[in-house]
N, C-alpha and C. Protein backbone atom coordinates (compact mmCIF):
# COMPACT_ATOMS: atom_id res chain seq x y z
N MET A 1 -14.63 64.32 28.35
CA MET A 1 -14.08 63.57 28.86
C MET A 1 -12.52 64.27 27.94
N ASN A 2 -11.37 64.70 28.51
CA ASN A 2 -10.28 64.98 27.50
C ASN A 2 -9.74 63.89 27.08
N ASN A 3 -8.79 64.14 25.82
CA ASN A 3 -7.75 63.88 25.12
C ASN A 3 -7.26 62.78 25.42
N LEU A 4 -6.63 62.78 26.77
CA LEU A 4 -5.80 62.14 27.15
C LEU A 4 -6.14 60.62 27.80
N SER A 5 -7.56 61.38 28.69
CA SER A 5 -8.26 59.52 28.80
C SER A 5 -8.76 58.82 27.89
N ARG A 6 -8.96 59.28 26.33
CA ARG A 6 -9.34 58.44 25.44
C ARG A 6 -8.12 57.67 25.14
N LYS A 7 -6.96 58.26 25.28
CA LYS A 7 -5.62 57.16 24.57
C LYS A 7 -5.56 56.26 25.94
N LEU A 8 -5.86 56.13 26.98
CA LEU A 8 -5.53 55.59 27.89
C LEU A 8 -6.04 53.88 27.34
N ILE A 9 -5.34 52.59 27.43
CA ILE A 9 -5.27 51.82 27.32
C ILE A 9 -5.75 50.58 28.97
N PRO A 10 -6.76 50.12 28.80
CA PRO A 10 -6.81 48.43 30.16
C PRO A 10 -7.00 48.17 30.05
N MET A 11 -5.83 47.77 31.69
CA MET A 11 -4.92 46.49 32.04
C MET A 11 -6.02 45.39 32.11
N TYR A 12 -7.05 45.44 31.73
CA TYR A 12 -7.68 44.32 32.05
C TYR A 12 -8.97 44.06 31.14
N ASN A 13 -9.25 42.92 30.81
CA ASN A 13 -10.43 42.39 29.91
C ASN A 13 -11.09 41.43 30.18
N SER A 14 -12.12 42.03 30.58
CA SER A 14 -13.37 40.67 31.39
C SER A 14 -13.53 39.65 30.46
N ASN A 15 -13.46 40.24 28.85
CA ASN A 15 -13.95 39.28 28.14
C ASN A 15 -12.60 38.13 27.41
N VAL A 16 -11.42 38.72 28.55
CA VAL A 16 -10.23 37.48 28.30
C VAL A 16 -10.62 35.96 27.74
N SER A 17 -10.21 35.15 26.64
CA SER A 17 -10.24 33.56 26.28
C SER A 17 -9.59 33.34 27.96
N ALA A 18 -10.41 31.76 27.80
CA ALA A 18 -10.52 31.32 29.22
C ALA A 18 -10.08 30.25 28.87
N VAL A 19 -9.24 28.55 29.69
CA VAL A 19 -9.27 27.46 29.12
C VAL A 19 -9.72 26.70 30.05
N LYS A 20 -10.59 26.23 29.75
CA LYS A 20 -11.76 25.38 30.81
C LYS A 20 -11.43 23.53 30.39
N THR A 21 -11.76 22.94 31.02
CA THR A 21 -11.78 21.48 31.18
C THR A 21 -12.99 20.90 30.92
N GLY A 22 -13.72 20.05 29.96
CA GLY A 22 -15.41 19.38 30.01
C GLY A 22 -15.06 17.96 29.63
N SER A 23 -16.56 17.70 28.87
CA SER A 23 -16.96 16.45 28.53
C SER A 23 -17.81 16.20 27.25
N VAL A 24 -17.29 15.41 26.42
CA VAL A 24 -18.24 15.84 25.29
C VAL A 24 -19.63 14.67 25.70
N ILE A 25 -20.36 15.69 24.91
CA ILE A 25 -22.02 14.87 25.37
C ILE A 25 -22.36 14.13 23.25
N SER A 26 -22.10 14.93 22.29
CA SER A 26 -22.46 14.00 21.02
C SER A 26 -21.65 14.78 20.23
N VAL A 27 -21.19 14.03 19.00
CA VAL A 27 -20.50 13.91 18.28
C VAL A 27 -21.33 13.82 16.97
N VAL A 28 -22.07 14.62 16.09
CA VAL A 28 -22.53 14.47 14.38
C VAL A 28 -22.34 15.46 13.68
N LEU A 29 -21.18 14.14 12.73
CA LEU A 29 -20.41 15.54 11.81
C LEU A 29 -19.36 16.02 12.38
N ASP A 30 -19.12 17.89 12.10
CA ASP A 30 -18.82 18.56 12.42
C ASP A 30 -19.49 19.40 13.45
N GLU A 31 -20.65 18.45 13.85
CA GLU A 31 -21.39 19.51 15.05
C GLU A 31 -20.84 18.36 16.40
N ILE A 32 -20.79 19.62 17.72
CA ILE A 32 -20.17 18.79 18.40
C ILE A 32 -20.40 19.63 19.65
N ARG A 33 -21.18 18.33 20.97
CA ARG A 33 -21.98 19.33 21.50
C ARG A 33 -21.08 18.75 23.05
N VAL A 34 -20.51 20.34 24.13
CA VAL A 34 -19.55 19.83 24.95
C VAL A 34 -20.76 20.23 25.99
N ASN A 35 -20.09 20.20 27.50
CA ASN A 35 -20.45 19.93 28.93
C ASN A 35 -19.36 20.73 29.67
N LEU A 36 -19.37 22.15 29.85
CA LEU A 36 -18.83 22.89 30.45
C LEU A 36 -18.96 23.20 32.36
N SER A 37 -18.92 22.39 33.29
CA SER A 37 -18.91 23.12 33.94
C SER A 37 -20.82 23.21 34.41
N GLY A 38 -21.45 22.28 33.86
CA GLY A 38 -22.91 21.95 33.53
C GLY A 38 -23.33 23.12 32.18
N GLU A 39 -22.87 23.61 32.36
CA GLU A 39 -23.52 24.16 30.47
C GLU A 39 -23.34 23.88 29.22
N ILE A 40 -24.00 23.69 29.06
CA ILE A 40 -24.31 22.90 27.36
C ILE A 40 -23.87 23.98 26.24
N LYS A 41 -23.02 23.60 25.38
CA LYS A 41 -22.36 24.49 24.08
C LYS A 41 -21.75 23.48 22.66
N LYS A 42 -21.80 24.83 22.04
CA LYS A 42 -21.56 23.54 20.88
C LYS A 42 -20.00 24.26 20.95
N ALA A 43 -19.71 23.51 19.71
CA ALA A 43 -18.11 23.87 19.81
C ALA A 43 -17.17 23.02 18.66
N LYS A 44 -15.88 23.43 18.73
CA LYS A 44 -15.57 23.38 17.66
C LYS A 44 -14.46 22.57 17.66
N LYS A 45 -13.63 21.91 16.87
CA LYS A 45 -12.67 21.13 16.75
C LYS A 45 -11.13 21.94 16.49
N ALA A 46 -10.32 22.39 17.55
CA ALA A 46 -9.26 23.41 16.88
C ALA A 46 -8.35 22.69 15.56
N PHE A 47 -7.82 23.25 15.31
CA PHE A 47 -7.13 23.02 13.92
C PHE A 47 -6.03 21.97 14.17
N SER A 48 -4.63 22.36 15.35
CA SER A 48 -4.14 21.05 15.53
C SER A 48 -4.72 20.52 16.64
N CYS A 49 -5.75 19.83 16.47
CA CYS A 49 -6.73 18.90 16.99
C CYS A 49 -7.14 17.94 16.07
N LEU A 50 -6.46 16.79 15.68
CA LEU A 50 -6.69 16.11 15.39
C LEU A 50 -7.08 14.83 15.43
N ILE A 51 -7.24 14.20 16.82
CA ILE A 51 -8.40 13.40 17.22
C ILE A 51 -9.63 13.06 16.73
N ASP A 52 -9.83 12.26 16.03
CA ASP A 52 -11.80 12.69 16.15
C ASP A 52 -12.44 11.96 17.88
N LEU A 53 -12.84 13.39 17.96
CA LEU A 53 -14.04 13.24 19.54
C LEU A 53 -14.65 11.78 19.26
N MET A 54 -15.14 11.84 21.10
CA MET A 54 -15.63 10.84 21.55
C MET A 54 -16.36 10.86 22.33
N PRO A 55 -18.09 10.42 22.42
CA PRO A 55 -19.25 10.76 23.85
C PRO A 55 -18.35 10.36 24.74
N GLU A 56 -18.41 11.66 25.98
CA GLU A 56 -17.97 11.14 27.40
C GLU A 56 -16.40 11.01 27.05
N ASP A 57 -15.47 11.98 26.12
CA ASP A 57 -14.00 12.20 26.35
C ASP A 57 -14.11 13.21 27.43
N THR A 58 -12.64 13.32 28.10
CA THR A 58 -12.58 14.48 29.04
C THR A 58 -11.76 15.47 27.96
N ILE A 59 -11.97 16.50 27.76
CA ILE A 59 -11.37 16.97 27.14
C ILE A 59 -11.27 18.48 27.54
N ILE A 60 -10.05 19.78 26.97
CA ILE A 60 -9.73 21.08 27.03
C ILE A 60 -10.09 21.73 26.34
N CYS A 61 -10.74 22.85 26.90
CA CYS A 61 -10.92 23.69 25.61
C CYS A 61 -10.74 25.15 25.85
N ALA A 62 -10.69 26.21 25.23
CA ALA A 62 -10.37 27.81 25.27
C ALA A 62 -11.38 28.19 24.33
N GLU A 63 -12.85 28.94 25.16
CA GLU A 63 -13.05 30.05 24.66
C GLU A 63 -13.03 31.43 24.19
N ASN A 64 -13.49 32.21 22.77
CA ASN A 64 -12.86 33.32 22.56
C ASN A 64 -13.69 34.81 23.24
N ASN A 65 -13.35 35.21 22.82
CA ASN A 65 -14.48 36.82 23.21
C ASN A 65 -15.27 36.73 22.47
N ASP A 66 -15.95 35.79 20.65
CA ASP A 66 -17.34 35.88 20.83
C ASP A 66 -17.82 34.40 22.18
N GLY A 67 -17.51 33.76 21.94
CA GLY A 67 -18.08 32.63 23.12
C GLY A 67 -18.22 31.26 21.70
N MET A 68 -17.08 31.62 21.14
CA MET A 68 -16.84 30.99 20.63
C MET A 68 -16.18 28.92 21.10
N VAL A 69 -16.09 27.71 21.23
CA VAL A 69 -15.59 26.96 22.05
C VAL A 69 -14.97 26.59 21.03
N TYR A 70 -13.87 26.11 21.72
CA TYR A 70 -12.58 25.25 20.61
C TYR A 70 -11.90 24.33 21.65
N VAL A 71 -12.46 22.87 21.19
CA VAL A 71 -11.42 21.46 21.73
C VAL A 71 -10.39 21.84 21.62
N LEU A 72 -8.99 21.62 22.28
CA LEU A 72 -7.79 21.85 22.45
C LEU A 72 -6.92 20.59 22.33
N GLY A 73 -7.50 20.11 22.58
CA GLY A 73 -7.16 18.47 23.22
C GLY A 73 -7.84 17.12 23.89
N ILE A 74 -7.72 16.57 23.68
CA ILE A 74 -8.54 15.22 24.65
C ILE A 74 -7.69 14.37 26.19
N ILE A 75 -7.79 14.64 27.33
CA ILE A 75 -7.53 14.93 28.39
C ILE A 75 -7.77 13.32 29.06
N GLU A 76 -8.77 12.52 28.66
CA GLU A 76 -8.52 11.34 29.32
C GLU A 76 -9.69 10.76 28.57
N ARG A 77 -9.76 9.39 27.55
CA ARG A 77 -10.89 8.54 27.51
C ARG A 77 -11.83 7.70 27.66
N PRO A 78 -12.50 7.46 28.85
CA PRO A 78 -12.77 6.10 29.81
C PRO A 78 -13.07 5.20 28.83
N GLY A 79 -13.06 4.07 29.12
CA GLY A 79 -12.88 2.77 27.91
C GLY A 79 -12.33 2.22 27.63
N THR A 80 -12.95 2.44 26.15
CA THR A 80 -11.87 1.64 25.27
C THR A 80 -11.07 2.94 24.79
N GLN A 81 -9.84 2.97 24.42
CA GLN A 81 -8.64 3.59 24.36
C GLN A 81 -8.45 3.87 22.28
N LYS A 82 -9.33 3.10 22.07
CA LYS A 82 -9.81 3.57 20.09
C LYS A 82 -9.29 4.65 19.79
N MET A 83 -8.61 5.05 18.65
CA MET A 83 -8.67 6.68 17.91
C MET A 83 -8.34 6.75 16.76
N ASN A 84 -9.01 8.18 16.15
CA ASN A 84 -9.01 7.97 15.04
C ASN A 84 -7.65 9.23 15.07
N LEU A 85 -6.94 9.25 13.58
CA LEU A 85 -6.35 10.48 13.24
C LEU A 85 -6.66 11.27 12.25
N SER A 86 -7.55 12.27 12.46
CA SER A 86 -8.24 12.67 11.19
C SER A 86 -7.18 13.85 10.89
N PHE A 87 -7.04 14.07 9.21
CA PHE A 87 -6.27 15.45 8.64
C PHE A 87 -7.82 16.53 8.18
N PRO A 88 -7.95 17.75 8.53
CA PRO A 88 -8.94 18.31 7.59
C PRO A 88 -8.76 18.54 6.14
N SER A 89 -7.56 17.93 5.88
CA SER A 89 -7.08 18.28 3.87
C SER A 89 -5.29 17.43 3.70
N ASP A 90 -5.15 17.68 2.53
CA ASP A 90 -4.03 16.86 2.69
C ASP A 90 -2.75 17.22 3.94
N ALA A 91 -2.20 16.37 4.12
CA ALA A 91 -1.39 16.45 4.84
C ALA A 91 0.30 15.82 4.37
N HIS A 92 1.56 15.78 5.16
CA HIS A 92 2.33 15.67 4.62
C HIS A 92 3.19 15.67 5.79
N ILE A 93 3.91 14.18 6.16
CA ILE A 93 4.38 13.71 7.43
C ILE A 93 6.04 13.88 6.46
N ARG A 94 7.03 14.89 7.56
CA ARG A 94 8.41 14.80 6.92
C ARG A 94 9.33 14.72 8.44
N THR A 95 10.33 13.68 8.19
CA THR A 95 11.68 14.10 8.88
C THR A 95 12.85 14.62 8.42
N LYS A 96 13.13 15.60 8.75
CA LYS A 96 14.00 16.62 8.69
C LYS A 96 15.58 15.84 8.50
N GLN A 97 15.28 15.41 10.05
CA GLN A 97 16.91 14.30 10.01
C GLN A 97 16.60 12.55 10.87
N GLY A 98 17.03 11.94 10.12
CA GLY A 98 16.64 10.45 11.17
C GLY A 98 15.92 9.61 10.24
N SER A 99 14.83 8.14 10.78
CA SER A 99 14.16 8.18 10.01
C SER A 99 12.87 7.63 10.71
N LEU A 100 11.80 7.61 9.93
CA LEU A 100 10.06 7.22 10.15
C LEU A 100 10.08 5.92 10.27
N ASN A 101 9.86 5.19 11.53
CA ASN A 101 9.43 4.13 11.02
C ASN A 101 8.02 3.83 11.46
N LEU A 102 7.44 2.77 11.02
CA LEU A 102 5.92 2.80 11.64
C LEU A 102 6.16 0.90 12.65
N ASN A 103 5.88 0.54 13.58
CA ASN A 103 5.32 -0.65 14.15
C ASN A 103 3.98 -0.43 14.61
N SER A 104 4.14 -2.00 14.66
CA SER A 104 1.99 -2.54 15.33
C SER A 104 2.99 -3.37 15.84
N GLN A 105 1.73 -3.94 16.65
CA GLN A 105 1.56 -5.24 17.05
C GLN A 105 1.04 -6.61 16.64
N ASP A 106 -0.44 -5.65 15.93
CA ASP A 106 -0.73 -6.41 15.31
C ASP A 106 -0.71 -6.06 13.78
N SER A 107 -1.22 -5.54 12.66
CA SER A 107 -0.94 -4.97 11.50
C SER A 107 -0.96 -3.49 11.28
N ILE A 108 -0.59 -3.28 9.90
CA ILE A 108 -0.70 -2.29 9.66
C ILE A 108 -1.45 -1.91 8.60
N SER A 109 -2.24 -1.53 7.88
CA SER A 109 -3.02 -1.32 6.86
C SER A 109 -3.35 -0.02 6.11
N ILE A 110 -3.34 -0.10 4.73
CA ILE A 110 -3.28 0.98 3.95
C ILE A 110 -3.94 1.61 2.87
N SER A 111 -5.27 2.16 3.27
CA SER A 111 -6.32 1.70 1.87
C SER A 111 -6.51 3.16 1.44
N SER A 112 -6.39 3.51 0.00
CA SER A 112 -6.65 4.26 -0.62
C SER A 112 -6.69 4.10 -2.80
N SER A 113 -7.41 5.38 -2.60
CA SER A 113 -7.52 4.39 -4.61
C SER A 113 -6.57 4.80 -5.40
N ASN A 114 -4.83 5.29 -4.59
CA ASN A 114 -3.78 5.36 -5.59
C ASN A 114 -2.92 5.57 -4.15
N VAL A 115 -2.02 4.66 -4.46
CA VAL A 115 -0.56 4.18 -3.48
C VAL A 115 0.91 4.49 -4.49
N ASN A 116 1.46 5.59 -3.88
CA ASN A 116 2.78 6.01 -4.90
C ASN A 116 3.76 5.79 -3.37
N CYS A 117 4.98 4.93 -4.54
CA CYS A 117 5.81 4.58 -3.90
C CYS A 117 6.95 4.55 -4.86
N PHE A 118 7.55 6.19 -4.28
CA PHE A 118 9.25 6.78 -5.08
C PHE A 118 10.41 5.99 -4.06
N SER A 119 11.30 5.30 -4.42
CA SER A 119 12.28 5.20 -3.94
C SER A 119 13.44 4.76 -4.11
N LYS A 120 14.75 5.17 -3.58
CA LYS A 120 16.28 4.76 -4.79
C LYS A 120 16.34 3.24 -3.66
N ARG A 121 15.93 2.64 -2.66
CA ARG A 121 15.70 1.14 -2.93
C ARG A 121 14.84 0.43 -1.58
N VAL A 122 14.04 -0.33 -2.00
CA VAL A 122 13.26 -1.44 -1.52
C VAL A 122 13.49 -2.69 -0.95
N ILE A 123 12.82 -3.03 0.16
CA ILE A 123 13.48 -4.17 0.41
C ILE A 123 11.37 -4.38 1.34
N HIS A 124 11.44 -5.82 1.10
CA HIS A 124 10.24 -6.09 1.61
C HIS A 124 10.44 -7.74 2.15
N LYS A 125 10.35 -7.56 2.61
CA LYS A 125 10.77 -9.34 3.64
C LYS A 125 8.82 -9.61 4.68
N SER A 126 9.13 -10.93 4.04
CA SER A 126 7.58 -11.43 4.63
C SER A 126 7.88 -13.35 4.99
N PHE A 127 7.54 -13.78 5.94
CA PHE A 127 6.80 -15.39 5.90
C PHE A 127 6.39 -15.57 4.96
N GLU A 128 5.14 -14.50 4.57
CA GLU A 128 3.59 -15.41 3.29
C GLU A 128 3.92 -14.46 3.27
N ALA A 129 3.60 -13.72 1.64
CA ALA A 129 2.65 -13.01 0.71
C ALA A 129 2.02 -12.87 0.18
N ILE A 130 0.66 -12.27 -0.21
CA ILE A 130 -0.11 -13.11 -1.22
C ILE A 130 -0.16 -11.56 -1.72
N ILE A 131 -0.36 -11.57 -3.55
CA ILE A 131 -0.67 -10.53 -3.87
C ILE A 131 -2.00 -10.93 -5.10
N SER A 132 -2.56 -10.18 -5.47
CA SER A 132 -3.95 -10.19 -5.91
C SER A 132 -4.04 -8.60 -6.85
N TYR A 133 -3.65 -8.92 -8.47
CA TYR A 133 -3.74 -7.91 -9.17
C TYR A 133 -4.62 -8.06 -10.30
N ASP A 134 -5.52 -7.64 -10.49
CA ASP A 134 -5.83 -7.28 -11.90
C ASP A 134 -5.42 -6.85 -13.19
N ASN A 135 -4.47 -6.21 -12.98
CA ASN A 135 -3.72 -6.11 -13.79
C ASN A 135 -2.53 -5.82 -13.53
N THR A 136 -1.26 -6.28 -14.42
CA THR A 136 0.10 -5.83 -13.58
C THR A 136 1.10 -5.08 -14.71
N THR A 137 1.96 -4.16 -14.55
CA THR A 137 3.19 -4.16 -15.80
C THR A 137 4.10 -3.62 -14.95
N ALA A 138 5.35 -4.38 -15.46
CA ALA A 138 5.98 -4.04 -14.55
C ALA A 138 7.83 -3.52 -15.98
N LEU A 139 8.26 -3.15 -15.21
CA LEU A 139 9.72 -2.33 -16.19
C LEU A 139 10.73 -1.97 -15.99
N GLY A 140 11.80 -2.67 -16.09
CA GLY A 140 13.07 -2.84 -15.74
C GLY A 140 14.10 -3.41 -16.78
N ASN A 141 15.67 -1.83 -16.37
CA ASN A 141 16.75 -3.49 -17.24
C ASN A 141 16.97 -4.37 -16.02
N GLU A 142 16.80 -4.88 -15.14
CA GLU A 142 17.09 -6.10 -14.85
C GLU A 142 15.80 -6.66 -13.66
N PHE A 143 15.68 -7.96 -13.78
CA PHE A 143 15.47 -9.39 -13.07
C PHE A 143 15.56 -10.04 -12.68
N GLN A 144 16.16 -10.42 -11.27
CA GLN A 144 16.67 -11.62 -10.76
C GLN A 144 15.54 -12.46 -9.57
N ALA A 145 15.32 -13.30 -9.96
CA ALA A 145 14.24 -14.41 -9.26
C ALA A 145 15.07 -15.80 -8.66
N SER A 146 14.83 -16.44 -7.35
CA SER A 146 15.04 -17.55 -6.88
C SER A 146 14.04 -17.66 -6.02
N PHE A 147 13.68 -19.12 -6.51
CA PHE A 147 12.48 -19.09 -5.38
C PHE A 147 13.35 -21.09 -5.37
N LYS A 148 12.70 -21.68 -4.70
CA LYS A 148 12.84 -23.69 -4.27
C LYS A 148 11.47 -23.65 -5.43
N THR A 149 10.84 -23.54 -5.65
CA THR A 149 9.57 -24.30 -5.97
C THR A 149 8.38 -23.09 -7.17
N VAL A 150 8.53 -22.69 -8.37
CA VAL A 150 7.30 -22.13 -8.80
C VAL A 150 6.38 -22.63 -9.69
N ARG A 151 5.02 -22.07 -9.49
CA ARG A 151 3.40 -23.00 -9.86
C ARG A 151 3.47 -21.59 -11.01
N LEU A 152 3.10 -21.51 -12.13
CA LEU A 152 2.39 -20.55 -13.20
C LEU A 152 1.11 -21.25 -13.35
N ILE A 153 -0.36 -20.84 -13.26
CA ILE A 153 -1.00 -21.21 -14.00
C ILE A 153 -2.42 -20.14 -14.01
N SER A 154 -1.66 -19.85 -15.31
CA SER A 154 -2.71 -19.36 -16.45
C SER A 154 -3.82 -19.78 -18.09
N ASN A 155 -4.44 -19.57 -18.10
CA ASN A 155 -5.19 -19.35 -19.64
C ASN A 155 -4.08 -19.11 -20.66
N LEU A 156 -3.27 -18.23 -20.66
CA LEU A 156 -2.24 -18.10 -21.94
C LEU A 156 -1.04 -16.96 -21.12
N ILE A 157 -0.71 -17.74 -21.73
CA ILE A 157 0.99 -16.72 -21.14
C ILE A 157 1.71 -16.65 -22.09
N ASN A 158 2.50 -15.52 -22.79
CA ASN A 158 2.71 -14.84 -24.47
C ASN A 158 4.16 -14.20 -23.45
N THR A 159 5.06 -14.43 -23.99
CA THR A 159 6.45 -14.13 -23.85
C THR A 159 6.80 -13.61 -25.16
N MET A 160 7.99 -12.27 -25.04
CA MET A 160 8.45 -11.51 -26.49
C MET A 160 9.62 -11.33 -25.95
N ALA A 161 10.91 -11.78 -26.34
CA ALA A 161 12.27 -11.40 -25.73
C ALA A 161 13.08 -11.45 -27.18
N ASN A 162 14.12 -10.80 -26.83
CA ASN A 162 15.21 -10.84 -28.14
C ASN A 162 15.64 -12.53 -28.03
N GLN A 163 16.35 -13.04 -26.59
CA GLN A 163 16.95 -14.02 -26.30
C GLN A 163 16.75 -14.12 -24.97
N VAL A 164 16.02 -16.25 -24.87
CA VAL A 164 15.70 -16.46 -23.66
C VAL A 164 17.18 -17.62 -23.89
N ILE A 165 17.39 -17.63 -22.69
CA ILE A 165 18.64 -18.72 -22.23
C ILE A 165 17.96 -19.16 -20.92
N ASP A 166 17.42 -20.47 -20.65
CA ASP A 166 17.10 -21.72 -19.68
C ASP A 166 18.41 -22.83 -19.62
N LYS A 167 18.22 -22.91 -18.25
CA LYS A 167 18.88 -23.71 -17.38
C LYS A 167 18.83 -24.41 -16.67
N PHE A 168 17.62 -25.65 -16.66
CA PHE A 168 17.48 -26.40 -16.11
C PHE A 168 18.18 -28.00 -15.21
N LYS A 169 18.48 -28.23 -13.73
CA LYS A 169 18.60 -29.92 -13.71
C LYS A 169 18.25 -30.83 -14.46
N GLY A 170 16.60 -30.59 -14.57
CA GLY A 170 16.07 -31.20 -14.81
C GLY A 170 14.70 -30.61 -15.05
N TYR A 171 13.43 -31.02 -16.42
CA TYR A 171 12.50 -30.31 -16.77
C TYR A 171 11.33 -31.13 -17.53
N ILE A 172 10.20 -31.13 -17.12
CA ILE A 172 9.22 -31.88 -17.88
C ILE A 172 7.96 -30.85 -18.21
N ARG A 173 7.70 -31.57 -19.22
CA ARG A 173 7.19 -30.63 -19.65
C ARG A 173 5.95 -31.46 -20.57
N SER A 174 4.74 -30.77 -20.12
CA SER A 174 3.11 -31.90 -20.32
C SER A 174 2.41 -30.30 -21.07
N THR A 175 1.92 -30.95 -21.96
CA THR A 175 0.62 -29.86 -22.65
C THR A 175 -0.51 -31.48 -23.34
N GLU A 176 -1.54 -31.24 -22.68
CA GLU A 176 -2.86 -32.47 -23.15
C GLU A 176 -3.27 -31.60 -24.51
N ASP A 177 -2.90 -30.34 -24.54
CA ASP A 177 -3.94 -30.49 -26.35
C ASP A 177 -2.90 -30.53 -27.53
N ASN A 178 -2.39 -29.18 -27.70
CA ASN A 178 -1.06 -29.08 -29.01
C ASN A 178 -0.09 -28.00 -28.57
N ASP A 179 0.71 -28.61 -29.05
CA ASP A 179 2.07 -27.98 -28.59
C ASP A 179 3.36 -27.48 -29.97
N MET A 180 2.61 -26.62 -29.77
CA MET A 180 3.72 -25.63 -31.40
C MET A 180 4.64 -25.03 -31.27
N VAL A 181 5.83 -25.13 -31.99
CA VAL A 181 7.22 -24.49 -31.65
C VAL A 181 7.16 -24.03 -33.49
N LYS A 182 7.49 -22.16 -33.32
CA LYS A 182 8.05 -21.80 -35.12
C LYS A 182 8.79 -21.26 -34.25
N ALA A 183 9.98 -21.72 -35.57
CA ALA A 183 11.09 -20.59 -35.60
C ALA A 183 11.79 -21.01 -36.64
N GLY A 184 13.01 -19.73 -36.90
CA GLY A 184 13.40 -19.71 -38.12
C GLY A 184 14.81 -20.78 -37.77
N ASN A 185 15.25 -21.04 -37.15
CA ASN A 185 15.90 -22.68 -37.17
C ASN A 185 16.16 -23.03 -35.76
N LEU A 186 16.07 -24.84 -35.73
CA LEU A 186 15.90 -24.94 -34.26
C LEU A 186 16.81 -26.05 -34.34
N ASN A 187 17.63 -26.47 -33.39
CA ASN A 187 18.74 -27.10 -32.60
C ASN A 187 18.55 -27.50 -31.81
N ARG A 188 18.45 -28.85 -31.64
CA ARG A 188 18.22 -29.51 -31.00
C ARG A 188 19.66 -30.65 -30.11
N GLN A 189 20.25 -30.49 -29.32
CA GLN A 189 21.60 -31.21 -28.95
C GLN A 189 21.64 -32.17 -27.52
N THR A 190 21.84 -32.76 -27.13
CA THR A 190 22.19 -33.99 -26.17
C THR A 190 22.70 -34.92 -26.04
N ASP A 191 24.02 -35.05 -25.06
CA ASP A 191 25.19 -35.67 -24.88
C ASP A 191 24.26 -37.23 -24.35
N GLY A 192 23.66 -37.62 -24.73
CA GLY A 192 23.30 -39.05 -24.23
C GLY A 192 21.73 -39.32 -25.16
N LEU A 193 20.77 -39.94 -24.66
CA LEU A 193 19.48 -40.41 -25.73
C LEU A 193 19.23 -39.50 -25.71
N PHE A 194 18.72 -38.78 -27.09
CA PHE A 194 17.40 -38.51 -27.89
C PHE A 194 16.76 -40.21 -27.98
N SER A 195 15.49 -39.79 -27.46
CA SER A 195 13.87 -40.44 -27.60
C SER A 195 13.03 -39.47 -28.03
N LEU A 196 12.39 -40.20 -29.17
CA LEU A 196 10.77 -39.97 -29.81
C LEU A 196 10.41 -41.05 -29.80
N ASP A 197 8.91 -40.95 -29.13
CA ASP A 197 7.60 -41.55 -28.95
C ASP A 197 6.24 -41.48 -29.31
N SER A 198 5.89 -41.08 -30.50
CA SER A 198 4.40 -40.71 -30.77
C SER A 198 3.94 -42.02 -31.11
N LYS A 199 2.75 -41.73 -31.49
CA LYS A 199 2.08 -42.87 -32.16
C LYS A 199 1.56 -42.55 -33.55
N HIS A 200 2.01 -41.82 -33.71
CA HIS A 200 2.53 -41.22 -35.45
C HIS A 200 2.95 -40.20 -35.85
N THR A 201 3.89 -40.77 -37.24
CA THR A 201 5.43 -39.37 -36.92
C THR A 201 4.86 -38.95 -38.24
N ILE A 202 5.05 -37.72 -38.55
CA ILE A 202 5.08 -37.08 -39.53
C ILE A 202 6.39 -36.24 -40.14
N MET A 203 7.18 -36.30 -41.22
CA MET A 203 8.42 -35.57 -41.08
C MET A 203 8.11 -34.70 -42.74
N ASN A 204 8.21 -33.95 -42.76
CA ASN A 204 8.66 -33.13 -44.05
C ASN A 204 9.28 -32.33 -44.31
N SER A 205 9.97 -32.07 -45.34
CA SER A 205 11.17 -31.20 -45.80
C SER A 205 11.00 -30.85 -47.23
N LYS A 206 10.78 -29.26 -47.67
CA LYS A 206 10.99 -29.21 -48.47
C LYS A 206 11.73 -29.03 -49.65
N LYS A 207 13.39 -29.66 -49.13
CA LYS A 207 14.44 -29.62 -49.83
C LYS A 207 15.25 -31.00 -49.37
N SER A 208 15.92 -31.03 -48.24
CA SER A 208 16.28 -32.24 -48.18
C SER A 208 16.10 -33.06 -46.56
N THR A 209 16.91 -34.16 -47.11
CA THR A 209 16.56 -34.78 -44.94
C THR A 209 17.68 -35.46 -45.31
N LYS A 210 18.33 -35.35 -43.73
CA LYS A 210 19.26 -36.02 -43.64
C LYS A 210 19.60 -36.96 -42.36
N ILE A 211 19.68 -37.63 -42.11
CA ILE A 211 19.95 -38.89 -40.79
C ILE A 211 21.42 -39.72 -41.28
N ASP A 212 22.23 -39.35 -40.20
CA ASP A 212 23.50 -39.52 -40.44
C ASP A 212 23.83 -40.30 -39.10
N GLY A 213 24.50 -41.35 -38.81
CA GLY A 213 24.49 -42.58 -37.60
C GLY A 213 25.49 -43.46 -37.87
N GLU A 214 26.56 -44.26 -37.31
CA GLU A 214 27.09 -45.21 -37.24
C GLU A 214 26.38 -46.40 -37.46
N LYS A 215 25.00 -46.73 -36.86
CA LYS A 215 23.94 -47.54 -37.15
C LYS A 215 22.81 -46.56 -37.02
N ILE A 216 21.75 -47.52 -38.25
CA ILE A 216 20.65 -46.81 -38.30
C ILE A 216 19.64 -47.92 -38.51
N LEU A 217 18.79 -47.83 -37.79
CA LEU A 217 18.08 -49.07 -37.52
C LEU A 217 16.44 -48.87 -37.66
N MET A 218 16.00 -49.17 -38.02
CA MET A 218 14.97 -48.83 -38.72
C MET A 218 14.06 -50.72 -38.95
N GLY A 219 12.68 -50.07 -38.82
CA GLY A 219 11.30 -51.59 -38.27
C GLY A 219 11.22 -51.53 -36.90
């Protein structure tokens, strides 16, 4: 064989990869067995094939020169149309332009050990919402809430603020046990009647006590 014949490149290679169709026989963890024209072979999912395979799926495959079969995608799934979208590792979904919408006729569930939400503006609107937390920490500069009815049920409520302003059209407070108020100065102002009704009343002043009015009735 001369040097010229050694440099010749064959135009056809019998070992070129071929694309075939077949069906899935079984899927056990990462071990996949497929039927290609009556021949049972082991196969692997292609990196771009993100849908988990199920038995009886009609698939499209490619076989490389080493005889390794890769499942490129699912052509048809008989019976149920359920599917799982599975990523092999970290995944990032991004839209360079426009918006990303998730729509579901029934429900959307998010399950994770950690969920992070970063946004300039968040809008949550629903007919009914149920929130259950073991521990809640909320930080911010301003908080506004408008509700027709508010019910708070707790064993302990601890509120610390530099200034609190409450405005109510009607206010009713009921305490079964003790009701204690501690303040540097305490002022009560009413436009109408101020009534105090108790079984026993004790008033102590370290310095002076003043009772002033046009009429003072005692007894």
